[in-house]
């Protein structure tokens, strides 16, 4: 049985990847429908991608300490 810490790390990585994918989908959808750089979908999409990528970066840099 995996350790709880390993399960938490895996879940964090999966959720972060899902956030990045959702952000990219929001960006593509907004731009395909003619949204500009200040459209709500563009702003939220960029934020989702940034937060998801940041979580992945932090999770990977923190795992080197173990």
PDB file of N, CA and C in Angstrom:
ATOM      1  N   UNK A   1       0.847  -1.172   0.000  1.00  0.00           N
ATOM      2  CA  UNK A   1       0.000   0.000   0.000  1.00  0.00           C
ATOM      3  C   UNK A   1       0.896   1.240   0.000  1.00  0.00           C
ATOM      4  N   UNK A   2       0.580   2.215  -0.884  1.00  0.00           N
ATOM      5  CA  UNK A   2       1.430   3.409  -0.955  1.00  0.00           C
ATOM      6  C   UNK A   2       1.297   4.279   0.297  1.00  0.00           C
ATOM      7  N   UNK A   3       2.344   4.994   0.555  1.00  0.00           N
ATOM      8  CA  UNK A   3       2.354   5.917   1.680  1.00  0.00           C
ATOM      9  C   UNK A   3       1.399   7.080   1.405  1.00  0.00           C
ATOM     10  N   UNK A   4       0.778   7.631   2.436  1.00  0.00           N
ATOM     11  CA  UNK A   4      -0.125   8.778   2.234  1.00  0.00           C
ATOM     12  C   UNK A   4       0.557   9.968   1.558  1.00  0.00           C
ATOM     13  N   UNK A   5       1.819  10.175   1.875  1.00  0.00           N
ATOM     14  CA  UNK A   5       2.553  11.285   1.252  1.00  0.00           C
ATOM     15  C   UNK A   5       2.675  11.080  -0.261  1.00  0.00           C
ATOM     16  N   UNK A   6       2.901   9.823  -0.680  1.00  0.00           N
ATOM     17  CA  UNK A   6       3.012   9.531  -2.108  1.00  0.00           C
ATOM     18  C   UNK A   6       1.676   9.721  -2.820  1.00  0.00           C
ATOM     19  N   UNK A   7       0.590   9.332  -2.148  1.00  0.00           N
ATOM     20  CA  UNK A   7      -0.741   9.515  -2.719  1.00  0.00           C
ATOM     21  C   UNK A   7      -1.037  11.006  -2.866  1.00  0.00           C
ATOM     22  N   UNK A   8      -0.702  11.777  -1.855  1.00  0.00           N
ATOM     23  CA  UNK A   8      -0.918  13.227  -1.903  1.00  0.00           C
ATOM     24  C   UNK A   8      -0.109  13.859  -3.029  1.00  0.00           C
ATOM     25  N   UNK A   9       1.143  13.446  -3.176  1.00  0.00           N
ATOM     26  CA  UNK A   9       1.996  13.992  -4.224  1.00  0.00           C
ATOM     27  C   UNK A   9       1.437  13.657  -5.609  1.00  0.00           C
ATOM     28  N   UNK A  10       0.983  12.430  -5.788  1.00  0.00           N
ATOM     29  CA  UNK A  10       0.417  12.021  -7.076  1.00  0.00           C
ATOM     30  C   UNK A  10      -0.873  12.784  -7.373  1.00  0.00           C
ATOM     31  N   UNK A  11      -1.718  12.945  -6.365  1.00  0.00           N
ATOM     32  CA  UNK A  11      -2.976  13.666  -6.554  1.00  0.00           C
ATOM     33  C   UNK A  11      -2.712  15.133  -6.892  1.00  0.00           C
ATOM     34  N   UNK A  12      -1.727  15.729  -6.253  1.00  0.00           N
ATOM     35  CA  UNK A  12      -1.374  17.115  -6.546  1.00  0.00           C
ATOM     36  C   UNK A  12      -0.882  17.255  -7.978  1.00  0.00           C
ATOM     37  N   UNK A  13      -0.071  16.321  -8.420  1.00  0.00           N
ATOM     38  CA  UNK A  13       0.436  16.369  -9.790  1.00  0.00           C
ATOM     39  C   UNK A  13      -0.686  16.203 -10.811  1.00  0.00           C
ATOM     40  N   UNK A  14      -1.601  15.281 -10.543  1.00  0.00           N
ATOM     41  CA  UNK A  14      -2.714  15.053 -11.468  1.00  0.00           C
ATOM     42  C   UNK A  14      -3.621  16.280 -11.528  1.00  0.00           C
ATOM     43  N   UNK A  15      -3.969  16.826 -10.377  1.00  0.00           N
ATOM     44  CA  UNK A  15      -4.849  17.999 -10.358  1.00  0.00           C
ATOM     45  C   UNK A  15      -4.177  19.209 -11.018  1.00  0.00           C
ATOM     46  N   UNK A  16      -2.885  19.339 -10.846  1.00  0.00           N
ATOM     47  CA  UNK A  16      -2.161  20.439 -11.484  1.00  0.00           C
ATOM     48  C   UNK A  16      -2.178  20.286 -13.000  1.00  0.00           C
ATOM     49  N   UNK A  17      -1.974  19.058 -13.479  1.00  0.00           N
ATOM     50  CA  UNK A  17      -2.023  18.809 -14.923  1.00  0.00           C
ATOM     51  C   UNK A  17      -3.424  19.086 -15.466  1.00  0.00           C
ATOM     52  N   UNK A  18      -4.447  18.717 -14.711  1.00  0.00           N
ATOM     53  CA  UNK A  18      -5.825  18.988 -15.123  1.00  0.00           C
ATOM     54  C   UNK A  18      -6.060  20.493 -15.220  1.00  0.00           C
ATOM     55  N   UNK A  19      -5.515  21.254 -14.282  1.00  0.00           N
ATOM     56  CA  UNK A  19      -5.662  22.710 -14.323  1.00  0.00           C
ATOM     57  C   UNK A  19      -4.996  23.296 -15.569  1.00  0.00           C
ATOM     58  N   UNK A  20      -3.830  22.786 -15.925  1.00  0.00           N
ATOM     59  CA  UNK A  20      -3.143  23.273 -17.127  1.00  0.00           C
ATOM     60  C   UNK A  20      -3.967  22.958 -18.366  1.00  0.00           C
ATOM     61  N   UNK A  21      -4.490  21.739 -18.450  1.00  0.00           N
ATOM     62  CA  UNK A  21      -5.286  21.337 -19.615  1.00  0.00           C
ATOM     63  C   UNK A  21      -6.558  22.187 -19.706  1.00  0.00           C
ATOM     64  N   UNK A  22      -7.230  22.412 -18.577  1.00  0.00           N
ATOM     65  CA  UNK A  22      -8.423  23.253 -18.586  1.00  0.00           C
ATOM     66  C   UNK A  22      -8.095  24.680 -19.024  1.00  0.00           C
ATOM     67  N   UNK A  23      -6.981  25.199 -18.550  1.00  0.00           N
ATOM     68  CA  UNK A  23      -6.573  26.546 -18.943  1.00  0.00           C
ATOM     69  C   UNK A  23      -6.311  26.659 -20.430  1.00  0.00           C
ATOM     70  N   UNK A  24      -5.630  25.669 -20.984  1.00  0.00           N
ATOM     71  CA  UNK A  24      -5.365  25.677 -22.431  1.00  0.00           C
ATOM     72  C   UNK A  24      -6.681  25.565 -23.198  1.00  0.00           C
ATOM     73  N   UNK A  25      -7.585  24.716 -22.728  1.00  0.00           N
ATOM     74  CA  UNK A  25      -8.886  24.578 -23.392  1.00  0.00           C
ATOM     75  C   UNK A  25      -9.669  25.891 -23.336  1.00  0.00           C
ATOM     76  N   UNK A  26      -9.608  26.580 -22.212  1.00  0.00           N
ATOM     77  CA  UNK A  26     -10.291  27.873 -22.097  1.00  0.00           C
ATOM     78  C   UNK A  26      -9.696  28.888 -23.067  1.00  0.00           C
ATOM     79  N   UNK A  27      -8.375  28.899 -23.167  1.00  0.00           N
ATOM     80  CA  UNK A  27      -7.719  29.819 -24.097  1.00  0.00           C
ATOM     81  C   UNK A  27      -8.106  29.533 -25.538  1.00  0.00           C
ATOM     82  N   UNK A  28      -8.047  28.273 -25.927  1.00  0.00           N
ATOM     83  CA  UNK A  28      -8.370  27.901 -27.299  1.00  0.00           C
ATOM     84  C   UNK A  28      -9.821  28.240 -27.614  1.00  0.00           C
ATOM     85  N   UNK A  29     -10.720  27.901 -26.703  1.00  0.00           N
ATOM     86  CA  UNK A  29     -12.137  28.166 -26.916  1.00  0.00           C
ATOM     87  C   UNK A  29     -12.418  29.670 -27.027  1.00  0.00           C
ATOM     88  N   UNK A  30     -11.816  30.432 -26.153  1.00  0.00           N
ATOM     89  CA  UNK A  30     -12.038  31.881 -26.170  1.00  0.00           C
ATOM     90  C   UNK A  30     -11.488  32.513 -27.438  1.00  0.00           C
ATOM     91  N   UNK A  31     -10.290  32.132 -27.817  1.00  0.00           N
ATOM     92  CA  UNK A  31      -9.689  32.719 -29.015  1.00  0.00           C
ATOM     93  C   UNK A  31     -10.398  32.258 -30.286  1.00  0.00           C
ATOM     94  N   UNK A  32     -10.896  31.018 -30.301  1.00  0.00           N
ATOM     95  CA  UNK A  32     -11.619  30.520 -31.470  1.00  0.00           C
ATOM     96  C   UNK A  32     -12.943  31.250 -31.652  1.00  0.00           C
ATOM     97  N   UNK A  33     -13.521  31.725 -30.567  1.00  0.00           N
ATOM     98  CA  UNK A  33     -14.795  32.444 -30.645  1.00  0.00           C
ATOM     99  C   UNK A  33     -14.605  33.951 -30.823  1.00  0.00           C
ATOM    100  N   UNK A  34     -13.377  34.364 -31.030  1.00  0.00           N
ATOM    101  CA  UNK A  34     -13.128  35.770 -31.323  1.00  0.00           C
ATOM    102  C   UNK A  34     -12.816  36.624 -30.109  1.00  0.00           C
ATOM    103  N   UNK A  35     -12.523  36.007 -28.979  1.00  0.00           N
ATOM    104  CA  UNK A  35     -12.183  36.767 -27.778  1.00  0.00           C
ATOM    105  C   UNK A  35     -10.821  37.423 -27.902  1.00  0.00           C
ATOM    106  N   UNK A  36     -10.689  38.555 -27.299  1.00  0.00           N
ATOM    107  CA  UNK A  36      -9.431  39.286 -27.334  1.00  0.00           C
ATOM    108  C   UNK A  36      -8.581  38.989 -26.119  1.00  0.00           C
ATOM    109  N   UNK A  37      -7.494  39.721 -25.977  1.00  0.00           N
ATOM    110  CA  UNK A  37      -6.573  39.465 -24.862  1.00  0.00           C
ATOM    111  C   UNK A  37      -7.160  39.823 -23.497  1.00  0.00           C
ATOM    112  N   UNK A  38      -8.186  40.649 -23.445  1.00  0.00           N
ATOM    113  CA  UNK A  38      -8.787  41.014 -22.167  1.00  0.00           C
ATOM    114  C   UNK A  38     -10.124  40.320 -21.926  1.00  0.00           C
ATOM    115  N   UNK A  39     -10.444  39.333 -22.751  1.00  0.00           N
ATOM    116  CA  UNK A  39     -11.673  38.569 -22.546  1.00  0.00           C
ATOM    117  C   UNK A  39     -11.539  37.727 -21.271  1.00  0.00           C
ATOM    118  N   UNK A  40     -12.652  37.500 -20.622  1.00  0.00           N
ATOM    119  CA  UNK A  40     -12.639  36.753 -19.365  1.00  0.00           C
ATOM    120  C   UNK A  40     -12.040  35.363 -19.540  1.00  0.00           C
ATOM    121  N   UNK A  41     -12.373  34.686 -20.627  1.00  0.00           N
ATOM    122  CA  UNK A  41     -11.837  33.345 -20.877  1.00  0.00           C
ATOM    123  C   UNK A  41     -10.326  33.351 -21.066  1.00  0.00           C
ATOM    124  N   UNK A  42      -9.822  34.397 -21.687  1.00  0.00           N
ATOM    125  CA  UNK A  42      -8.371  34.503 -21.884  1.00  0.00           C
ATOM    126  C   UNK A  42      -7.670  34.715 -20.552  1.00  0.00           C
ATOM    127  N   UNK A  43      -8.193  35.621 -19.764  1.00  0.00           N
ATOM    128  CA  UNK A  43      -7.569  35.918 -18.466  1.00  0.00           C
ATOM    129  C   UNK A  43      -7.621  34.692 -17.559  1.00  0.00           C
ATOM    130  N   UNK A  44      -8.786  34.051 -17.464  1.00  0.00           N
ATOM    131  CA  UNK A  44      -8.905  32.863 -16.609  1.00  0.00           C
ATOM    132  C   UNK A  44      -8.063  31.706 -17.135  1.00  0.00           C
ATOM    133  N   UNK A  45      -8.012  31.557 -18.461  1.00  0.00           N
ATOM    134  CA  UNK A  45      -7.194  30.493 -19.048  1.00  0.00           C
ATOM    135  C   UNK A  45      -5.721  30.667 -18.717  1.00  0.00           C
ATOM    136  N   UNK A  46      -5.231  31.880 -18.849  1.00  0.00           N
ATOM    137  CA  UNK A  46      -3.827  32.151 -18.510  1.00  0.00           C
ATOM    138  C   UNK A  46      -3.576  31.899 -17.022  1.00  0.00           C
ATOM    139  N   UNK A  47      -4.531  32.292 -16.196  1.00  0.00           N
ATOM    140  CA  UNK A  47      -4.371  32.079 -14.757  1.00  0.00           C
ATOM    141  C   UNK A  47      -4.363  30.587 -14.418  1.00  0.00           C
ATOM    142  N   UNK A  48      -5.257  29.808 -15.025  1.00  0.00           N
ATOM    143  CA  UNK A  48      -5.279  28.365 -14.779  1.00  0.00           C
ATOM    144  C   UNK A  48      -3.963  27.721 -15.194  1.00  0.00           C
ATOM    145  N   UNK A  49      -3.460  28.092 -16.368  1.00  0.00           N
ATOM    146  CA  UNK A  49      -2.190  27.529 -16.846  1.00  0.00           C
ATOM    147  C   UNK A  49      -1.058  27.915 -15.898  1.00  0.00           C
ATOM    148  N   UNK A  50      -1.010  29.166 -15.481  1.00  0.00           N
ATOM    149  CA  UNK A  50       0.063  29.624 -14.596  1.00  0.00           C
ATOM    150  C   UNK A  50       0.013  28.935 -13.239  1.00  0.00           C
ATOM    151  N   UNK A  51      -1.183  28.826 -12.666  1.00  0.00           N
ATOM    152  CA  UNK A  51      -1.296  28.185 -11.349  1.00  0.00           C
ATOM    153  C   UNK A  51      -0.971  26.694 -11.444  1.00  0.00           C
ATOM    154  N   UNK A  52      -1.485  26.030 -12.463  1.00  0.00           N
ATOM    155  CA  UNK A  52      -1.201  24.605 -12.628  1.00  0.00           C
ATOM    156  C   UNK A  52       0.283  24.341 -12.846  1.00  0.00           C
ATOM    157  N   UNK A  53       0.893  25.135 -13.710  1.00  0.00           N
ATOM    158  CA  UNK A  53       2.326  24.968 -13.964  1.00  0.00           C
ATOM    159  C   UNK A  53       3.147  25.297 -12.718  1.00  0.00           C
ATOM    160  N   UNK A  54       2.725  26.313 -11.977  1.00  0.00           N
ATOM    161  CA  UNK A  54       3.429  26.660 -10.736  1.00  0.00           C
ATOM    162  C   UNK A  54       3.348  25.555  -9.704  1.00  0.00           C
ATOM    163  N   UNK A  55       2.172  24.933  -9.594  1.00  0.00           N
ATOM    164  CA  UNK A  55       2.026  23.825  -8.651  1.00  0.00           C
ATOM    165  C   UNK A  55       2.899  22.643  -9.042  1.00  0.00           C
ATOM    166  N   UNK A  56       2.968  22.360 -10.343  1.00  0.00           N
ATOM    167  CA  UNK A  56       3.832  21.269 -10.809  1.00  0.00           C
ATOM    168  C   UNK A  56       5.287  21.593 -10.502  1.00  0.00           C
ATOM    169  N   UNK A  57       5.690  22.826 -10.773  1.00  0.00           N
ATOM    170  CA  UNK A  57       7.076  23.239 -10.516  1.00  0.00           C
ATOM    171  C   UNK A  57       7.419  23.122  -9.032  1.00  0.00           C
ATOM    172  N   UNK A  58       6.539  23.601  -8.176  1.00  0.00           N
ATOM    173  CA  UNK A  58       6.790  23.544  -6.737  1.00  0.00           C
ATOM    174  C   UNK A  58       6.809  22.102  -6.239  1.00  0.00           C
ATOM    175  N   UNK A  59       5.895  21.280  -6.737  1.00  0.00           N
ATOM    176  CA  UNK A  59       5.849  19.878  -6.311  1.00  0.00           C
ATOM    177  C   UNK A  59       7.119  19.140  -6.714  1.00  0.00           C
ATOM    178  N   UNK A  60       7.614  19.441  -7.898  1.00  0.00           N
ATOM    179  CA  UNK A  60       8.829  18.741  -8.352  1.00  0.00           C
ATOM    180  C   UNK A  60      10.076  19.258  -7.656  1.00  0.00           C
ATOM    181  N   UNK A  61      10.147  20.560  -7.400  1.00  0.00           N
ATOM    182  CA  UNK A  61      11.336  21.088  -6.739  1.00  0.00           C
ATOM    183  C   UNK A  61      11.358  20.687  -5.257  1.00  0.00           C
ATOM    184  N   UNK A  62      10.189  20.551  -4.652  1.00  0.00           N
ATOM    185  CA  UNK A  62      10.121  20.123  -3.255  1.00  0.00           C
ATOM    186  C   UNK A  62      10.403  18.649  -3.077  1.00  0.00           C
ATOM    187  N   UNK A  63      10.165  17.834  -4.122  1.00  0.00           N
ATOM    188  CA  UNK A  63      10.374  16.400  -3.998  1.00  0.00           C
ATOM    189  C   UNK A  63      11.848  16.021  -4.051  1.00  0.00           C
ATOM    190  N   UNK A  64      12.721  16.944  -4.456  1.00  0.00           N
ATOM    191  CA  UNK A  64      14.150  16.667  -4.509  1.00  0.00           C
ATOM    192  C   UNK A  64      14.756  16.629  -3.112  1.00  0.00           C
ATOM    193  N   UNK A  65      14.049  17.196  -2.123  1.00  0.00           N
ATOM    194  CA  UNK A  65      14.558  17.218  -0.760  1.00  0.00           C
ATOM    195  C   UNK A  65      14.426  15.866  -0.074  1.00  0.00           C
ATOM    196  N   UNK A  66      13.558  15.005  -0.589  1.00  0.00           N
ATOM    197  CA  UNK A  66      13.334  13.709   0.061  1.00  0.00           C
ATOM    198  C   UNK A  66      14.401  12.732  -0.221  1.00  0.00           C
TER     199      UNK A  66
END
